[in-house]
Amino acid sequence: MAFSYNKLWKILIDKNMNKTALRDAVEITPSTLARLSKNQNVTMEVLGKICEEFHCDIGDIVEYVHNENSKAEKR
């Protein structure tokens, strides 16, 4: 299963905000920010904090990416 946070980075660009400002605004650790930057899993709590900060829904910041290889690997 893969997720992309590209929508989040677009929001930051639109708001003229950098990743450090996001980290400070939602009070997440540098390691959590690094996980977001690498499109790795983060907790729903973190995603909820981001949604509260930007007054948006989770679908506005996260996108599920279909991975055809994962189906083949499970067989």
PDB file of N, CA and C in Angstrom:
ATOM      1  N   MET A   1       0.837  -1.166   0.000  1.00  0.00           N
ATOM      2  CA  MET A   1       0.000   0.000   0.000  1.00  0.00           C
ATOM      3  C   MET A   1       0.888   1.237   0.000  1.00  0.00           C
ATOM      4  N   ALA A   2       0.576   2.186  -0.843  1.00  0.00           N
ATOM      5  CA  ALA A   2       1.401   3.390  -0.927  1.00  0.00           C
ATOM      6  C   ALA A   2       0.524   4.638  -0.864  1.00  0.00           C
ATOM      7  N   PHE A   3       1.043   5.644  -0.206  1.00  0.00           N
ATOM      8  CA  PHE A   3       0.346   6.912  -0.090  1.00  0.00           C
ATOM      9  C   PHE A   3       1.277   8.027  -0.540  1.00  0.00           C
ATOM     10  N   SER A   4       0.679   9.073  -1.086  1.00  0.00           N
ATOM     11  CA  SER A   4       1.440  10.225  -1.538  1.00  0.00           C
ATOM     12  C   SER A   4       0.927  11.464  -0.813  1.00  0.00           C
ATOM     13  N   TYR A   5       1.844  12.302  -0.386  1.00  0.00           N
ATOM     14  CA  TYR A   5       1.493  13.557   0.272  1.00  0.00           C
ATOM     15  C   TYR A   5       1.732  14.755  -0.652  1.00  0.00           C
ATOM     16  N   ASN A   6       1.771  14.518  -1.954  1.00  0.00           N
ATOM     17  CA  ASN A   6       2.004  15.604  -2.910  1.00  0.00           C
ATOM     18  C   ASN A   6       0.964  16.711  -2.791  1.00  0.00           C
ATOM     19  N   LYS A   7      -0.263  16.345  -2.482  1.00  0.00           N
ATOM     20  CA  LYS A   7      -1.310  17.362  -2.304  1.00  0.00           C
ATOM     21  C   LYS A   7      -0.967  18.294  -1.140  1.00  0.00           C
ATOM     22  N   LEU A   8      -0.388  17.737  -0.097  1.00  0.00           N
ATOM     23  CA  LEU A   8       0.027  18.552   1.049  1.00  0.00           C
ATOM     24  C   LEU A   8       1.088  19.555   0.632  1.00  0.00           C
ATOM     25  N   TRP A   9       2.072  19.104  -0.137  1.00  0.00           N
ATOM     26  CA  TRP A   9       3.149  20.010  -0.559  1.00  0.00           C
ATOM     27  C   TRP A   9       2.607  21.112  -1.459  1.00  0.00           C
ATOM     28  N   LYS A  10       1.592  20.810  -2.262  1.00  0.00           N
ATOM     29  CA  LYS A  10       0.968  21.846  -3.098  1.00  0.00           C
ATOM     30  C   LYS A  10       0.269  22.888  -2.233  1.00  0.00           C
ATOM     31  N   ILE A  11      -0.376  22.432  -1.160  1.00  0.00           N
ATOM     32  CA  ILE A  11      -1.013  23.376  -0.236  1.00  0.00           C
ATOM     33  C   ILE A  11       0.038  24.292   0.384  1.00  0.00           C
ATOM     34  N   LEU A  12       1.169  23.725   0.782  1.00  0.00           N
ATOM     35  CA  LEU A  12       2.238  24.545   1.365  1.00  0.00           C
ATOM     36  C   LEU A  12       2.714  25.603   0.381  1.00  0.00           C
ATOM     37  N   ILE A  13       2.867  25.212  -0.878  1.00  0.00           N
ATOM     38  CA  ILE A  13       3.293  26.171  -1.906  1.00  0.00           C
ATOM     39  C   ILE A  13       2.262  27.281  -2.041  1.00  0.00           C
ATOM     40  N   ASP A  14       0.977  26.907  -2.107  1.00  0.00           N
ATOM     41  CA  ASP A  14      -0.095  27.898  -2.250  1.00  0.00           C
ATOM     42  C   ASP A  14      -0.128  28.865  -1.073  1.00  0.00           C
ATOM     43  N   LYS A  15       0.223  28.388   0.106  1.00  0.00           N
ATOM     44  CA  LYS A  15       0.200  29.227   1.305  1.00  0.00           C
ATOM     45  C   LYS A  15       1.559  29.875   1.589  1.00  0.00           C
ATOM     46  N   ASN A  16       2.503  29.690   0.654  1.00  0.00           N
ATOM     47  CA  ASN A  16       3.846  30.250   0.801  1.00  0.00           C
ATOM     48  C   ASN A  16       4.460  29.842   2.149  1.00  0.00           C
ATOM     49  N   MET A  17       4.354  28.554   2.435  1.00  0.00           N
ATOM     50  CA  MET A  17       4.797  28.005   3.714  1.00  0.00           C
ATOM     51  C   MET A  17       5.837  26.925   3.450  1.00  0.00           C
ATOM     52  N   ASN A  18       6.882  26.873   4.250  1.00  0.00           N
ATOM     53  CA  ASN A  18       7.874  25.810   4.068  1.00  0.00           C
ATOM     54  C   ASN A  18       7.614  24.663   5.049  1.00  0.00           C
ATOM     55  N   LYS A  19       8.358  23.590   4.893  1.00  0.00           N
ATOM     56  CA  LYS A  19       8.140  22.399   5.716  1.00  0.00           C
ATOM     57  C   LYS A  19       8.436  22.654   7.189  1.00  0.00           C
ATOM     58  N   THR A  20       9.406  23.496   7.464  1.00  0.00           N
ATOM     59  CA  THR A  20       9.729  23.815   8.857  1.00  0.00           C
ATOM     60  C   THR A  20       8.570  24.549   9.516  1.00  0.00           C
ATOM     61  N   ALA A  21       7.949  25.458   8.784  1.00  0.00           N
ATOM     62  CA  ALA A  21       6.789  26.178   9.317  1.00  0.00           C
ATOM     63  C   ALA A  21       5.627  25.217   9.568  1.00  0.00           C
ATOM     64  N   LEU A  22       5.447  24.242   8.680  1.00  0.00           N
ATOM     65  CA  LEU A  22       4.418  23.219   8.886  1.00  0.00           C
ATOM     66  C   LEU A  22       4.712  22.439  10.164  1.00  0.00           C
ATOM     67  N   ARG A  23       5.952  22.007  10.303  1.00  0.00           N
ATOM     68  CA  ARG A  23       6.361  21.243  11.488  1.00  0.00           C
ATOM     69  C   ARG A  23       6.057  22.012  12.771  1.00  0.00           C
ATOM     70  N   ASP A  24       6.382  23.294  12.781  1.00  0.00           N
ATOM     71  CA  ASP A  24       6.142  24.117  13.963  1.00  0.00           C
ATOM     72  C   ASP A  24       4.650  24.351  14.195  1.00  0.00           C
ATOM     73  N   ALA A  25       3.897  24.573  13.125  1.00  0.00           N
ATOM     74  CA  ALA A  25       2.469  24.880  13.245  1.00  0.00           C
ATOM     75  C   ALA A  25       1.666  23.706  13.787  1.00  0.00           C
ATOM     76  N   VAL A  26       2.007  22.503  13.369  1.00  0.00           N
ATOM     77  CA  VAL A  26       1.232  21.331  13.805  1.00  0.00           C
ATOM     78  C   VAL A  26       1.945  20.529  14.893  1.00  0.00           C
ATOM     79  N   GLU A  27       3.093  21.036  15.319  1.00  0.00           N
ATOM     80  CA  GLU A  27       3.856  20.442  16.425  1.00  0.00           C
ATOM     81  C   GLU A  27       4.155  18.961  16.195  1.00  0.00           C
ATOM     82  N   ILE A  28       4.825  18.693  15.079  1.00  0.00           N
ATOM     83  CA  ILE A  28       5.282  17.331  14.796  1.00  0.00           C
ATOM     84  C   ILE A  28       6.803  17.301  14.875  1.00  0.00           C
ATOM     85  N   THR A  29       7.343  16.127  15.041  1.00  0.00           N
ATOM     86  CA  THR A  29       8.791  15.982  15.180  1.00  0.00           C
ATOM     87  C   THR A  29       9.470  16.044  13.809  1.00  0.00           C
ATOM     88  N   PRO A  30      10.752  16.355  13.798  1.00  0.00           N
ATOM     89  CA  PRO A  30      11.490  16.327  12.528  1.00  0.00           C
ATOM     90  C   PRO A  30      11.428  14.954  11.854  1.00  0.00           C
ATOM     91  N   SER A  31      11.423  13.890  12.638  1.00  0.00           N
ATOM     92  CA  SER A  31      11.367  12.556  12.029  1.00  0.00           C
ATOM     93  C   SER A  31      10.014  12.296  11.367  1.00  0.00           C
ATOM     94  N   THR A  32       8.943  12.828  11.942  1.00  0.00           N
ATOM     95  CA  THR A  32       7.621  12.687  11.318  1.00  0.00           C
ATOM     96  C   THR A  32       7.573  13.474  10.019  1.00  0.00           C
ATOM     97  N   LEU A  33       8.149  14.654  10.022  1.00  0.00           N
ATOM     98  CA  LEU A  33       8.209  15.445   8.796  1.00  0.00           C
ATOM     99  C   LEU A  33       9.014  14.712   7.729  1.00  0.00           C
ATOM    100  N   ALA A  34      10.089  14.068   8.133  1.00  0.00           N
ATOM    101  CA  ALA A  34      10.902  13.293   7.187  1.00  0.00           C
ATOM    102  C   ALA A  34      10.092  12.143   6.604  1.00  0.00           C
ATOM    103  N   ARG A  35       9.279  11.491   7.437  1.00  0.00           N
ATOM    104  CA  ARG A  35       8.432  10.394   6.946  1.00  0.00           C
ATOM    105  C   ARG A  35       7.427  10.918   5.921  1.00  0.00           C
ATOM    106  N   LEU A  36       6.849  12.077   6.187  1.00  0.00           N
ATOM    107  CA  LEU A  36       5.933  12.685   5.216  1.00  0.00           C
ATOM    108  C   LEU A  36       6.665  12.978   3.910  1.00  0.00           C
ATOM    109  N   SER A  37       7.854  13.515   4.025  1.00  0.00           N
ATOM    110  CA  SER A  37       8.640  13.873   2.839  1.00  0.00           C
ATOM    111  C   SER A  37       8.977  12.666   1.982  1.00  0.00           C
ATOM    112  N   LYS A  38       9.088  11.496   2.629  1.00  0.00           N
ATOM    113  CA  LYS A  38       9.424  10.262   1.908  1.00  0.00           C
ATOM    114  C   LYS A  38       8.186   9.439   1.550  1.00  0.00           C
ATOM    115  N   ASN A  39       6.998  10.035   1.728  1.00  0.00           N
ATOM    116  CA  ASN A  39       5.727   9.345   1.464  1.00  0.00           C
ATOM    117  C   ASN A  39       5.601   8.053   2.263  1.00  0.00           C
ATOM    118  N   GLN A  40       6.081   8.088   3.499  1.00  0.00           N
ATOM    119  CA  GLN A  40       5.962   6.934   4.386  1.00  0.00           C
ATOM    120  C   GLN A  40       4.752   7.120   5.295  1.00  0.00           C
ATOM    121  N   ASN A  41       4.345   6.045   5.946  1.00  0.00           N
ATOM    122  CA  ASN A  41       3.175   6.094   6.815  1.00  0.00           C
ATOM    123  C   ASN A  41       3.419   6.983   8.029  1.00  0.00           C
ATOM    124  N   VAL A  42       2.390   7.740   8.377  1.00  0.00           N
ATOM    125  CA  VAL A  42       2.365   8.519   9.614  1.00  0.00           C
ATOM    126  C   VAL A  42       1.034   8.218  10.297  1.00  0.00           C
ATOM    127  N   THR A  43       0.895   8.618  11.539  1.00  0.00           N
ATOM    128  CA  THR A  43      -0.326   8.311  12.273  1.00  0.00           C
ATOM    129  C   THR A  43      -1.490   9.184  11.810  1.00  0.00           C
ATOM    130  N   MET A  44      -2.685   8.682  12.089  1.00  0.00           N
ATOM    131  CA  MET A  44      -3.885   9.460  11.784  1.00  0.00           C
ATOM    132  C   MET A  44      -3.913  10.735  12.616  1.00  0.00           C
ATOM    133  N   GLU A  45      -3.332  10.692  13.793  1.00  0.00           N
ATOM    134  CA  GLU A  45      -3.264  11.882  14.643  1.00  0.00           C
ATOM    135  C   GLU A  45      -2.498  13.003  13.938  1.00  0.00           C
ATOM    136  N   VAL A  46      -1.389  12.664  13.320  1.00  0.00           N
ATOM    137  CA  VAL A  46      -0.594  13.657  12.586  1.00  0.00           C
ATOM    138  C   VAL A  46      -1.406  14.217  11.427  1.00  0.00           C
ATOM    139  N   LEU A  47      -2.038  13.340  10.671  1.00  0.00           N
ATOM    140  CA  LEU A  47      -2.851  13.796   9.541  1.00  0.00           C
ATOM    141  C   LEU A  47      -4.006  14.667  10.026  1.00  0.00           C
ATOM    142  N   GLY A  48      -4.580  14.318  11.168  1.00  0.00           N
ATOM    143  CA  GLY A  48      -5.650  15.122  11.743  1.00  0.00           C
ATOM    144  C   GLY A  48      -5.183  16.515  12.129  1.00  0.00           C
ATOM    145  N   LYS A  49      -3.992  16.616  12.706  1.00  0.00           N
ATOM    146  CA  LYS A  49      -3.429  17.926  13.066  1.00  0.00           C
ATOM    147  C   LYS A  49      -3.232  18.791  11.823  1.00  0.00           C
ATOM    148  N   ILE A  50      -2.762  18.173  10.753  1.00  0.00           N
ATOM    149  CA  ILE A  50      -2.542  18.916   9.508  1.00  0.00           C
ATOM    150  C   ILE A  50      -3.878  19.394   8.943  1.00  0.00           C
ATOM    151  N   CYS A  51      -4.881  18.511   8.968  1.00  0.00           N
ATOM    152  CA  CYS A  51      -6.209  18.888   8.478  1.00  0.00           C
ATOM    153  C   CYS A  51      -6.790  20.042   9.291  1.00  0.00           C
ATOM    154  N   GLU A  52      -6.603  20.009  10.612  1.00  0.00           N
ATOM    155  CA  GLU A  52      -7.087  21.101  11.456  1.00  0.00           C
ATOM    156  C   GLU A  52      -6.383  22.408  11.116  1.00  0.00           C
ATOM    157  N   GLU A  53      -5.083  22.343  10.893  1.00  0.00           N
ATOM    158  CA  GLU A  53      -4.309  23.549  10.578  1.00  0.00           C
ATOM    159  C   GLU A  53      -4.784  24.198   9.281  1.00  0.00           C
ATOM    160  N   PHE A  54      -5.082  23.373   8.279  1.00  0.00           N
ATOM    161  CA  PHE A  54      -5.456  23.903   6.968  1.00  0.00           C
ATOM    162  C   PHE A  54      -6.961  23.882   6.711  1.00  0.00           C
ATOM    163  N   HIS A  55      -7.745  23.483   7.716  1.00  0.00           N
ATOM    164  CA  HIS A  55      -9.206  23.431   7.584  1.00  0.00           C
ATOM    165  C   HIS A  55      -9.604  22.654   6.334  1.00  0.00           C
ATOM    166  N   CYS A  56      -9.119  21.429   6.248  1.00  0.00           N
ATOM    167  CA  CYS A  56      -9.379  20.602   5.069  1.00  0.00           C
ATOM    168  C   CYS A  56      -9.677  19.170   5.483  1.00  0.00           C
ATOM    169  N   ASP A  57     -10.026  18.342   4.510  1.00  0.00           N
ATOM    170  CA  ASP A  57     -10.255  16.919   4.743  1.00  0.00           C
ATOM    171  C   ASP A  57      -8.986  16.145   4.420  1.00  0.00           C
ATOM    172  N   ILE A  58      -8.922  14.926   4.901  1.00  0.00           N
ATOM    173  CA  ILE A  58      -7.739  14.099   4.690  1.00  0.00           C
ATOM    174  C   ILE A  58      -7.459  13.876   3.204  1.00  0.00           C
ATOM    175  N   GLY A  59      -8.506  13.790   2.400  1.00  0.00           N
ATOM    176  CA  GLY A  59      -8.333  13.598   0.960  1.00  0.00           C
ATOM    177  C   GLY A  59      -7.696  14.797   0.272  1.00  0.00           C
ATOM    178  N   ASP A  60      -7.669  15.927   0.965  1.00  0.00           N
ATOM    179  CA  ASP A  60      -7.036  17.123   0.409  1.00  0.00           C
ATOM    180  C   ASP A  60      -5.519  17.103   0.583  1.00  0.00           C
ATOM    181  N   ILE A  61      -5.019  16.202   1.451  1.00  0.00           N
ATOM    182  CA  ILE A  61      -3.575  16.170   1.704  1.00  0.00           C
ATOM    183  C   ILE A  61      -2.926  14.824   1.404  1.00  0.00           C
ATOM    184  N   VAL A  62      -3.739  13.766   1.311  1.00  0.00           N
ATOM    185  CA  VAL A  62      -3.213  12.410   1.100  1.00  0.00           C
ATOM    186  C   VAL A  62      -3.892  11.781  -0.102  1.00  0.00           C
ATOM    187  N   GLU A  63      -3.110  11.046  -0.869  1.00  0.00           N
ATOM    188  CA  GLU A  63      -3.657  10.324  -2.017  1.00  0.00           C
ATOM    189  C   GLU A  63      -3.164   8.879  -1.971  1.00  0.00           C
ATOM    190  N   TYR A  64      -4.093   7.944  -2.157  1.00  0.00           N
ATOM    191  CA  TYR A  64      -3.726   6.530  -2.223  1.00  0.00           C
ATOM    192  C   TYR A  64      -3.193   6.242  -3.616  1.00  0.00           C
ATOM    193  N   VAL A  65      -2.052   5.597  -3.685  1.00  0.00           N
ATOM    194  CA  VAL A  65      -1.423   5.270  -4.964  1.00  0.00           C
ATOM    195  C   VAL A  65      -1.517   3.766  -5.166  1.00  0.00           C
ATOM    196  N   HIS A  66      -2.225   3.368  -6.217  1.00  0.00           N
ATOM    197  CA  HIS A  66      -2.355   1.944  -6.528  1.00  0.00           C
ATOM    198  C   HIS A  66      -1.015   1.395  -6.971  1.00  0.00           C
ATOM    199  N   ASN A  67      -0.671   0.240  -6.441  1.00  0.00           N
ATOM    200  CA  ASN A  67       0.594  -0.391  -6.786  1.00  0.00           C
ATOM    201  C   ASN A  67       0.293  -1.766  -7.359  1.00  0.00           C
ATOM    202  N   GLU A  68       0.376  -1.887  -8.655  1.00  0.00           N
ATOM    203  CA  GLU A  68       0.080  -3.152  -9.327  1.00  0.00           C
ATOM    204  C   GLU A  68       1.059  -4.249  -8.926  1.00  0.00           C
ATOM    205  N   ASN A  69       2.271  -3.897  -8.595  1.00  0.00           N
ATOM    206  CA  ASN A  69       3.286  -4.886  -8.208  1.00  0.00           C
ATOM    207  C   ASN A  69       2.927  -5.608  -6.915  1.00  0.00           C
ATOM    208  N   SER A  70       2.235  -4.920  -6.008  1.00  0.00           N
ATOM    209  CA  SER A  70       1.924  -5.546  -4.723  1.00  0.00           C
ATOM    210  C   SER A  70       0.990  -6.738  -4.895  1.00  0.00           C
ATOM    211  N   LYS A  71       0.084  -6.693  -5.855  1.00  0.00           N
ATOM    212  CA  LYS A  71      -0.810  -7.820  -6.111  1.00  0.00           C
ATOM    213  C   LYS A  71      -0.023  -9.013  -6.636  1.00  0.00           C
ATOM    214  N   ALA A  72       0.906  -8.761  -7.524  1.00  0.00           N
ATOM    215  CA  ALA A  72       1.710  -9.837  -8.107  1.00  0.00           C
ATOM    216  C   ALA A  72       2.632 -10.462  -7.063  1.00  0.00           C
ATOM    217  N   GLU A  73       3.138  -9.655  -6.136  1.00  0.00           N
ATOM    218  CA  GLU A  73       4.048 -10.157  -5.112  1.00  0.00           C
ATOM    219  C   GLU A  73       3.337 -11.081  -4.129  1.00  0.00           C
ATOM    220  N   LYS A  74       2.050 -10.843  -3.883  1.00  0.00           N
ATOM    221  CA  LYS A  74       1.299 -11.643  -2.922  1.00  0.00           C
ATOM    222  C   LYS A  74       0.937 -13.019  -3.473  1.00  0.00           C
ATOM    223  N   ARG A  75       0.981 -13.190  -4.760  1.00  0.00           N
ATOM    224  CA  ARG A  75       0.600 -14.472  -5.373  1.00  0.00           C
ATOM    225  C   ARG A  75       1.665 -15.496  -5.258  1.00  0.00           C
TER     226      ARG A  75
END
